[in-house]
Amino acid sequence: MDVKQTALATVLKRNRLQHRHIAQGVGVSRISVGHWVHGRSVPSGTNLVRLVEYLRQFEPAITAEDLVGAVGDAQAAVGA
């Protein structure tokens, strides 16, 4: 099944970031980041704020809505 790529996955590719970079920057596990990237889960409120703050050094215009909306769309596509 072809699942729409999440905004987070796009940001990682565009900036050549790895899951470990995001995990270290946000203070979460690489597994959590993997779930976010593949649309299996959405960052909690605090982690979402930290994620946006971290990503703004690479994508200054990124918002929480950009990230959560894309993850939600991916979850809907796979029936999660």
PDB file of N, CA and C in Angstrom:
ATOM      1  N   MET A   1       0.837  -1.171   0.000  1.00  0.00           N
ATOM      2  CA  MET A   1       0.000   0.000   0.000  1.00  0.00           C
ATOM      3  C   MET A   1       0.885   1.237   0.000  1.00  0.00           C
ATOM      4  N   ASP A   2       0.549   2.205  -0.828  1.00  0.00           N
ATOM      5  CA  ASP A   2       1.302   3.442  -0.924  1.00  0.00           C
ATOM      6  C   ASP A   2       0.742   4.446   0.072  1.00  0.00           C
ATOM      7  N   VAL A   3       1.539   4.838   1.039  1.00  0.00           N
ATOM      8  CA  VAL A   3       1.100   5.772   2.072  1.00  0.00           C
ATOM      9  C   VAL A   3       1.745   7.123   1.809  1.00  0.00           C
ATOM     10  N   LYS A   4       0.957   8.181   1.929  1.00  0.00           N
ATOM     11  CA  LYS A   4       1.461   9.539   1.760  1.00  0.00           C
ATOM     12  C   LYS A   4       2.605   9.796   2.729  1.00  0.00           C
ATOM     13  N   GLN A   5       3.680  10.354   2.221  1.00  0.00           N
ATOM     14  CA  GLN A   5       4.832  10.636   3.060  1.00  0.00           C
ATOM     15  C   GLN A   5       4.504  11.756   4.040  1.00  0.00           C
ATOM     16  N   THR A   6       4.934  11.622   5.280  1.00  0.00           N
ATOM     17  CA  THR A   6       4.667  12.647   6.279  1.00  0.00           C
ATOM     18  C   THR A   6       5.569  13.860   6.038  1.00  0.00           C
ATOM     19  N   ALA A   7       5.128  14.995   6.551  1.00  0.00           N
ATOM     20  CA  ALA A   7       5.919  16.217   6.449  1.00  0.00           C
ATOM     21  C   ALA A   7       7.267  16.033   7.140  1.00  0.00           C
ATOM     22  N   LEU A   8       7.262  15.305   8.247  1.00  0.00           N
ATOM     23  CA  LEU A   8       8.509  15.071   8.966  1.00  0.00           C
ATOM     24  C   LEU A   8       9.491  14.285   8.103  1.00  0.00           C
ATOM     25  N   ALA A   9       9.003  13.274   7.416  1.00  0.00           N
ATOM     26  CA  ALA A   9       9.873  12.495   6.527  1.00  0.00           C
ATOM     27  C   ALA A   9      10.458  13.388   5.431  1.00  0.00           C
ATOM     28  N   THR A  10       9.651  14.286   4.904  1.00  0.00           N
ATOM     29  CA  THR A  10      10.114  15.207   3.868  1.00  0.00           C
ATOM     30  C   THR A  10      11.204  16.121   4.405  1.00  0.00           C
ATOM     31  N   VAL A  11      11.006  16.653   5.608  1.00  0.00           N
ATOM     32  CA  VAL A  11      12.006  17.537   6.228  1.00  0.00           C
ATOM     33  C   VAL A  11      13.305  16.777   6.457  1.00  0.00           C
ATOM     34  N   LEU A  12      13.214  15.552   6.938  1.00  0.00           N
ATOM     35  CA  LEU A  12      14.416  14.756   7.170  1.00  0.00           C
ATOM     36  C   LEU A  12      15.188  14.542   5.872  1.00  0.00           C
ATOM     37  N   LYS A  13      14.490  14.168   4.816  1.00  0.00           N
ATOM     38  CA  LYS A  13      15.153  13.936   3.532  1.00  0.00           C
ATOM     39  C   LYS A  13      15.792  15.208   3.001  1.00  0.00           C
ATOM     40  N   ARG A  14      15.021  16.281   3.019  1.00  0.00           N
ATOM     41  CA  ARG A  14      15.489  17.542   2.446  1.00  0.00           C
ATOM     42  C   ARG A  14      16.733  18.059   3.163  1.00  0.00           C
ATOM     43  N   ASN A  15      16.828  17.800   4.464  1.00  0.00           N
ATOM     44  CA  ASN A  15      17.944  18.315   5.261  1.00  0.00           C
ATOM     45  C   ASN A  15      18.968  17.250   5.634  1.00  0.00           C
ATOM     46  N   ARG A  16      18.794  16.067   5.046  1.00  0.00           N
ATOM     47  CA  ARG A  16      19.710  14.945   5.294  1.00  0.00           C
ATOM     48  C   ARG A  16      19.882  14.641   6.782  1.00  0.00           C
ATOM     49  N   LEU A  17      18.760  14.641   7.485  1.00  0.00           N
ATOM     50  CA  LEU A  17      18.757  14.322   8.909  1.00  0.00           C
ATOM     51  C   LEU A  17      18.373  12.865   9.113  1.00  0.00           C
ATOM     52  N   GLN A  18      18.897  12.288  10.150  1.00  0.00           N
ATOM     53  CA  GLN A  18      18.559  10.917  10.507  1.00  0.00           C
ATOM     54  C   GLN A  18      17.673  10.931  11.750  1.00  0.00           C
ATOM     55  N   HIS A  19      17.015   9.817  11.987  1.00  0.00           N
ATOM     56  CA  HIS A  19      16.141   9.704  13.157  1.00  0.00           C
ATOM     57  C   HIS A  19      16.900  10.055  14.432  1.00  0.00           C
ATOM     58  N   ARG A  20      18.147   9.664  14.514  1.00  0.00           N
ATOM     59  CA  ARG A  20      18.919   9.933  15.733  1.00  0.00           C
ATOM     60  C   ARG A  20      19.127  11.429  15.955  1.00  0.00           C
ATOM     61  N   HIS A  21      19.244  12.201  14.862  1.00  0.00           N
ATOM     62  CA  HIS A  21      19.385  13.656  15.009  1.00  0.00           C
ATOM     63  C   HIS A  21      18.136  14.257  15.647  1.00  0.00           C
ATOM     64  N   ILE A  22      16.983  13.845  15.144  1.00  0.00           N
ATOM     65  CA  ILE A  22      15.718  14.348  15.690  1.00  0.00           C
ATOM     66  C   ILE A  22      15.560  13.891  17.145  1.00  0.00           C
ATOM     67  N   ALA A  23      15.853  12.616  17.395  1.00  0.00           N
ATOM     68  CA  ALA A  23      15.721  12.063  18.748  1.00  0.00           C
ATOM     69  C   ALA A  23      16.577  12.846  19.742  1.00  0.00           C
ATOM     70  N   GLN A  24      17.813  13.114  19.376  1.00  0.00           N
ATOM     71  CA  GLN A  24      18.705  13.865  20.269  1.00  0.00           C
ATOM     72  C   GLN A  24      18.228  15.296  20.452  1.00  0.00           C
ATOM     73  N   GLY A  25      17.778  15.908  19.376  1.00  0.00           N
ATOM     74  CA  GLY A  25      17.334  17.298  19.439  1.00  0.00           C
ATOM     75  C   GLY A  25      16.060  17.496  20.246  1.00  0.00           C
ATOM     76  N   VAL A  26      15.184  16.503  20.215  1.00  0.00           N
ATOM     77  CA  VAL A  26      13.891  16.607  20.903  1.00  0.00           C
ATOM     78  C   VAL A  26      13.936  15.969  22.289  1.00  0.00           C
ATOM     79  N   GLY A  27      14.827  14.991  22.467  1.00  0.00           N
ATOM     80  CA  GLY A  27      14.927  14.300  23.752  1.00  0.00           C
ATOM     81  C   GLY A  27      14.020  13.095  23.851  1.00  0.00           C
ATOM     82  N   VAL A  28      13.868  12.381  22.732  1.00  0.00           N
ATOM     83  CA  VAL A  28      13.044  11.169  22.696  1.00  0.00           C
ATOM     84  C   VAL A  28      13.856  10.038  22.075  1.00  0.00           C
ATOM     85  N   SER A  29      13.272   8.849  22.026  1.00  0.00           N
ATOM     86  CA  SER A  29      13.973   7.711  21.433  1.00  0.00           C
ATOM     87  C   SER A  29      13.885   7.749  19.911  1.00  0.00           C
ATOM     88  N   ARG A  30      14.829   7.059  19.269  1.00  0.00           N
ATOM     89  CA  ARG A  30      14.780   6.932  17.802  1.00  0.00           C
ATOM     90  C   ARG A  30      13.533   6.175  17.375  1.00  0.00           C
ATOM     91  N   ILE A  31      13.064   5.274  18.208  1.00  0.00           N
ATOM     92  CA  ILE A  31      11.854   4.519  17.888  1.00  0.00           C
ATOM     93  C   ILE A  31      10.657   5.463  17.812  1.00  0.00           C
ATOM     94  N   SER A  32      10.549   6.378  18.756  1.00  0.00           N
ATOM     95  CA  SER A  32       9.462   7.354  18.721  1.00  0.00           C
ATOM     96  C   SER A  32       9.512   8.174  17.440  1.00  0.00           C
ATOM     97  N   VAL A  33      10.699   8.623  17.089  1.00  0.00           N
ATOM     98  CA  VAL A  33      10.852   9.406  15.859  1.00  0.00           C
ATOM     99  C   VAL A  33      10.429   8.566  14.656  1.00  0.00           C
ATOM    100  N   GLY A  34      10.806   7.301  14.635  1.00  0.00           N
ATOM    101  CA  GLY A  34      10.409   6.419  13.540  1.00  0.00           C
ATOM    102  C   GLY A  34       8.900   6.313  13.421  1.00  0.00           C
ATOM    103  N   HIS A  35       8.224   6.230  14.546  1.00  0.00           N
ATOM    104  CA  HIS A  35       6.755   6.179  14.532  1.00  0.00           C
ATOM    105  C   HIS A  35       6.176   7.471  13.958  1.00  0.00           C
ATOM    106  N   TRP A  36       6.758   8.600  14.331  1.00  0.00           N
ATOM    107  CA  TRP A  36       6.276   9.883  13.806  1.00  0.00           C
ATOM    108  C   TRP A  36       6.517   9.974  12.305  1.00  0.00           C
ATOM    109  N   VAL A  37       7.715   9.586  11.885  1.00  0.00           N
ATOM    110  CA  VAL A  37       8.095   9.689  10.469  1.00  0.00           C
ATOM    111  C   VAL A  37       7.188   8.827   9.597  1.00  0.00           C
ATOM    112  N   HIS A  38       6.839   7.654  10.081  1.00  0.00           N
ATOM    113  CA  HIS A  38       6.040   6.723   9.282  1.00  0.00           C
ATOM    114  C   HIS A  38       4.545   6.853   9.535  1.00  0.00           C
ATOM    115  N   GLY A  39       4.164   7.858  10.327  1.00  0.00           N
ATOM    116  CA  GLY A  39       2.754   8.133  10.541  1.00  0.00           C
ATOM    117  C   GLY A  39       2.041   7.167  11.465  1.00  0.00           C
ATOM    118  N   ARG A  40       2.800   6.450  12.277  1.00  0.00           N
ATOM    119  CA  ARG A  40       2.192   5.495  13.216  1.00  0.00           C
ATOM    120  C   ARG A  40       1.674   6.168  14.480  1.00  0.00           C
ATOM    121  N   SER A  41       2.255   7.314  14.820  1.00  0.00           N
ATOM    122  CA  SER A  41       1.806   8.063  15.988  1.00  0.00           C
ATOM    123  C   SER A  41       2.109   9.535  15.776  1.00  0.00           C
ATOM    124  N   VAL A  42       1.582  10.350  16.686  1.00  0.00           N
ATOM    125  CA  VAL A  42       1.757  11.801  16.640  1.00  0.00           C
ATOM    126  C   VAL A  42       2.491  12.223  17.905  1.00  0.00           C
ATOM    127  N   PRO A  43       3.439  13.145  17.804  1.00  0.00           N
ATOM    128  CA  PRO A  43       4.127  13.618  19.005  1.00  0.00           C
ATOM    129  C   PRO A  43       3.151  14.221  20.006  1.00  0.00           C
ATOM    130  N   SER A  44       3.402  14.008  21.301  1.00  0.00           N
ATOM    131  CA  SER A  44       2.582  14.620  22.352  1.00  0.00           C
ATOM    132  C   SER A  44       2.767  16.131  22.303  1.00  0.00           C
ATOM    133  N   GLY A  45       1.957  16.848  23.058  1.00  0.00           N
ATOM    134  CA  GLY A  45       2.030  18.309  23.067  1.00  0.00           C
ATOM    135  C   GLY A  45       3.423  18.845  23.315  1.00  0.00           C
ATOM    136  N   THR A  46       4.061  18.399  24.394  1.00  0.00           N
ATOM    137  CA  THR A  46       5.404  18.868  24.733  1.00  0.00           C
ATOM    138  C   THR A  46       6.413  18.463  23.671  1.00  0.00           C
ATOM    139  N   ASN A  47       6.342  17.214  23.227  1.00  0.00           N
ATOM    140  CA  ASN A  47       7.284  16.756  22.205  1.00  0.00           C
ATOM    141  C   ASN A  47       7.045  17.439  20.867  1.00  0.00           C
ATOM    142  N   LEU A  48       5.810  17.764  20.576  1.00  0.00           N
ATOM    143  CA  LEU A  48       5.505  18.468  19.330  1.00  0.00           C
ATOM    144  C   LEU A  48       6.114  19.866  19.353  1.00  0.00           C
ATOM    145  N   VAL A  49       6.006  20.543  20.479  1.00  0.00           N
ATOM    146  CA  VAL A  49       6.617  21.873  20.621  1.00  0.00           C
ATOM    147  C   VAL A  49       8.129  21.767  20.450  1.00  0.00           C
ATOM    148  N   ARG A  50       8.747  20.797  21.112  1.00  0.00           N
ATOM    149  CA  ARG A  50      10.203  20.611  21.006  1.00  0.00           C
ATOM    150  C   ARG A  50      10.613  20.267  19.580  1.00  0.00           C
ATOM    151  N   LEU A  51       9.811  19.425  18.932  1.00  0.00           N
ATOM    152  CA  LEU A  51      10.103  19.019  17.557  1.00  0.00           C
ATOM    153  C   LEU A  51      10.068  20.218  16.620  1.00  0.00           C
ATOM    154  N   VAL A  52       9.042  21.034  16.737  1.00  0.00           N
ATOM    155  CA  VAL A  52       8.934  22.220  15.884  1.00  0.00           C
ATOM    156  C   VAL A  52      10.103  23.167  16.147  1.00  0.00           C
ATOM    157  N   GLU A  53      10.422  23.383  17.416  1.00  0.00           N
ATOM    158  CA  GLU A  53      11.556  24.256  17.755  1.00  0.00           C
ATOM    159  C   GLU A  53      12.851  23.736  17.149  1.00  0.00           C
ATOM    160  N   TYR A  54      13.064  22.433  17.241  1.00  0.00           N
ATOM    161  CA  TYR A  54      14.282  21.837  16.682  1.00  0.00           C
ATOM    162  C   TYR A  54      14.310  21.975  15.164  1.00  0.00           C
ATOM    163  N   LEU A  55      13.197  21.663  14.511  1.00  0.00           N
ATOM    164  CA  LEU A  55      13.154  21.673  13.048  1.00  0.00           C
ATOM    165  C   LEU A  55      13.243  23.066  12.449  1.00  0.00           C
ATOM    166  N   ARG A  56      12.878  24.077  13.197  1.00  0.00           N
ATOM    167  CA  ARG A  56      12.915  25.448  12.661  1.00  0.00           C
ATOM    168  C   ARG A  56      14.325  25.912  12.319  1.00  0.00           C
ATOM    169  N   GLN A  57      15.338  25.264  12.855  1.00  0.00           N
ATOM    170  CA  GLN A  57      16.696  25.635  12.449  1.00  0.00           C
ATOM    171  C   GLN A  57      16.972  25.187  11.018  1.00  0.00           C
ATOM    172  N   PHE A  58      16.187  24.246  10.513  1.00  0.00           N
ATOM    173  CA  PHE A  58      16.327  23.752   9.148  1.00  0.00           C
ATOM    174  C   PHE A  58      15.206  24.250   8.234  1.00  0.00           C
ATOM    175  N   GLU A  59      14.002  24.361   8.797  1.00  0.00           N
ATOM    176  CA  GLU A  59      12.805  24.772   8.060  1.00  0.00           C
ATOM    177  C   GLU A  59      12.113  25.872   8.874  1.00  0.00           C
ATOM    178  N   PRO A  60      12.552  27.126   8.735  1.00  0.00           N
ATOM    179  CA  PRO A  60      12.047  28.200   9.593  1.00  0.00           C
ATOM    180  C   PRO A  60      10.532  28.403   9.575  1.00  0.00           C
ATOM    181  N   ALA A  61       9.869  28.036   8.521  1.00  0.00           N
ATOM    182  CA  ALA A  61       8.426  28.281   8.412  1.00  0.00           C
ATOM    183  C   ALA A  61       7.562  27.112   8.882  1.00  0.00           C
ATOM    184  N   ILE A  62       8.176  26.016   9.335  1.00  0.00           N
ATOM    185  CA  ILE A  62       7.396  24.828   9.712  1.00  0.00           C
ATOM    186  C   ILE A  62       6.553  25.103  10.955  1.00  0.00           C
ATOM    187  N   THR A  63       5.362  24.529  10.969  1.00  0.00           N
ATOM    188  CA  THR A  63       4.451  24.696  12.100  1.00  0.00           C
ATOM    189  C   THR A  63       4.025  23.330  12.628  1.00  0.00           C
ATOM    190  N   ALA A  64       3.456  23.328  13.824  1.00  0.00           N
ATOM    191  CA  ALA A  64       2.925  22.088  14.403  1.00  0.00           C
ATOM    192  C   ALA A  64       1.821  21.529  13.516  1.00  0.00           C
ATOM    193  N   GLU A  65       1.005  22.404  12.953  1.00  0.00           N
ATOM    194  CA  GLU A  65      -0.082  21.955  12.087  1.00  0.00           C
ATOM    195  C   GLU A  65       0.444  21.238  10.846  1.00  0.00           C
ATOM    196  N   ASP A  66       1.574  21.703  10.321  1.00  0.00           N
ATOM    197  CA  ASP A  66       2.188  21.023   9.177  1.00  0.00           C
ATOM    198  C   ASP A  66       2.509  19.582   9.525  1.00  0.00           C
ATOM    199  N   LEU A  67       3.073  19.371  10.689  1.00  0.00           N
ATOM    200  CA  LEU A  67       3.510  18.038  11.098  1.00  0.00           C
ATOM    201  C   LEU A  67       2.350  17.135  11.506  1.00  0.00           C
ATOM    202  N   VAL A  68       1.469  17.622  12.337  1.00  0.00           N
ATOM    203  CA  VAL A  68       0.366  16.800  12.837  1.00  0.00           C
ATOM    204  C   VAL A  68      -0.625  16.496  11.728  1.00  0.00           C
ATOM    205  N   GLY A  69      -0.903  17.452  10.869  1.00  0.00           N
ATOM    206  CA  GLY A  69      -1.822  17.223   9.762  1.00  0.00           C
ATOM    207  C   GLY A  69      -1.334  16.130   8.842  1.00  0.00           C
ATOM    208  N   ALA A  70      -0.047  16.128   8.542  1.00  0.00           N
ATOM    209  CA  ALA A  70       0.513  15.109   7.654  1.00  0.00           C
ATOM    210  C   ALA A  70       0.507  13.739   8.309  1.00  0.00           C
ATOM    211  N   VAL A  71       0.807  13.664   9.592  1.00  0.00           N
ATOM    212  CA  VAL A  71       0.790  12.384  10.296  1.00  0.00           C
ATOM    213  C   VAL A  71      -0.635  11.859  10.359  1.00  0.00           C
ATOM    214  N   GLY A  72      -1.584  12.728  10.663  1.00  0.00           N
ATOM    215  CA  GLY A  72      -2.981  12.313  10.717  1.00  0.00           C
ATOM    216  C   GLY A  72      -3.471  11.788   9.385  1.00  0.00           C
ATOM    217  N   ASP A  73      -3.053  12.429   8.284  1.00  0.00           N
ATOM    218  CA  ASP A  73      -3.436  11.968   6.945  1.00  0.00           C
ATOM    219  C   ASP A  73      -2.867  10.591   6.664  1.00  0.00           C
ATOM    220  N   ALA A  74      -1.626  10.358   7.073  1.00  0.00           N
ATOM    221  CA  ALA A  74      -0.990   9.063   6.843  1.00  0.00           C
ATOM    222  C   ALA A  74      -1.688   7.981   7.665  1.00  0.00           C
ATOM    223  N   GLN A  75      -2.066   8.299   8.904  1.00  0.00           N
ATOM    224  CA  GLN A  75      -2.761   7.328   9.748  1.00  0.00           C
ATOM    225  C   GLN A  75      -4.108   6.983   9.130  1.00  0.00           C
ATOM    226  N   ALA A  76      -4.807   7.947   8.593  1.00  0.00           N
ATOM    227  CA  ALA A  76      -6.098   7.695   7.965  1.00  0.00           C
ATOM    228  C   ALA A  76      -5.935   6.808   6.738  1.00  0.00           C
ATOM    229  N   ALA A  77      -4.842   6.983   6.005  1.00  0.00           N
ATOM    230  CA  ALA A  77      -4.617   6.204   4.799  1.00  0.00           C
ATOM    231  C   ALA A  77      -4.404   4.718   5.092  1.00  0.00           C
ATOM    232  N   VAL A  78      -3.814   4.424   6.260  1.00  0.00           N
ATOM    233  CA  VAL A  78      -3.557   3.023   6.619  1.00  0.00           C
ATOM    234  C   VAL A  78      -4.630   2.476   7.547  1.00  0.00           C
ATOM    235  N   GLY A  79      -5.601   3.305   7.901  1.00  0.00           N
ATOM    236  CA  GLY A  79      -6.689   2.836   8.744  1.00  0.00           C
ATOM    237  C   GLY A  79      -6.352   2.727  10.207  1.00  0.00           C
ATOM    238  N   ALA A  80      -5.370   3.515  10.658  1.00  0.00           N
ATOM    239  CA  ALA A  80      -4.961   3.474  12.077  1.00  0.00           C
ATOM    240  C   ALA A  80      -5.956   4.180  12.954  1.00  0.00           C
TER     241      ALA A  80
END
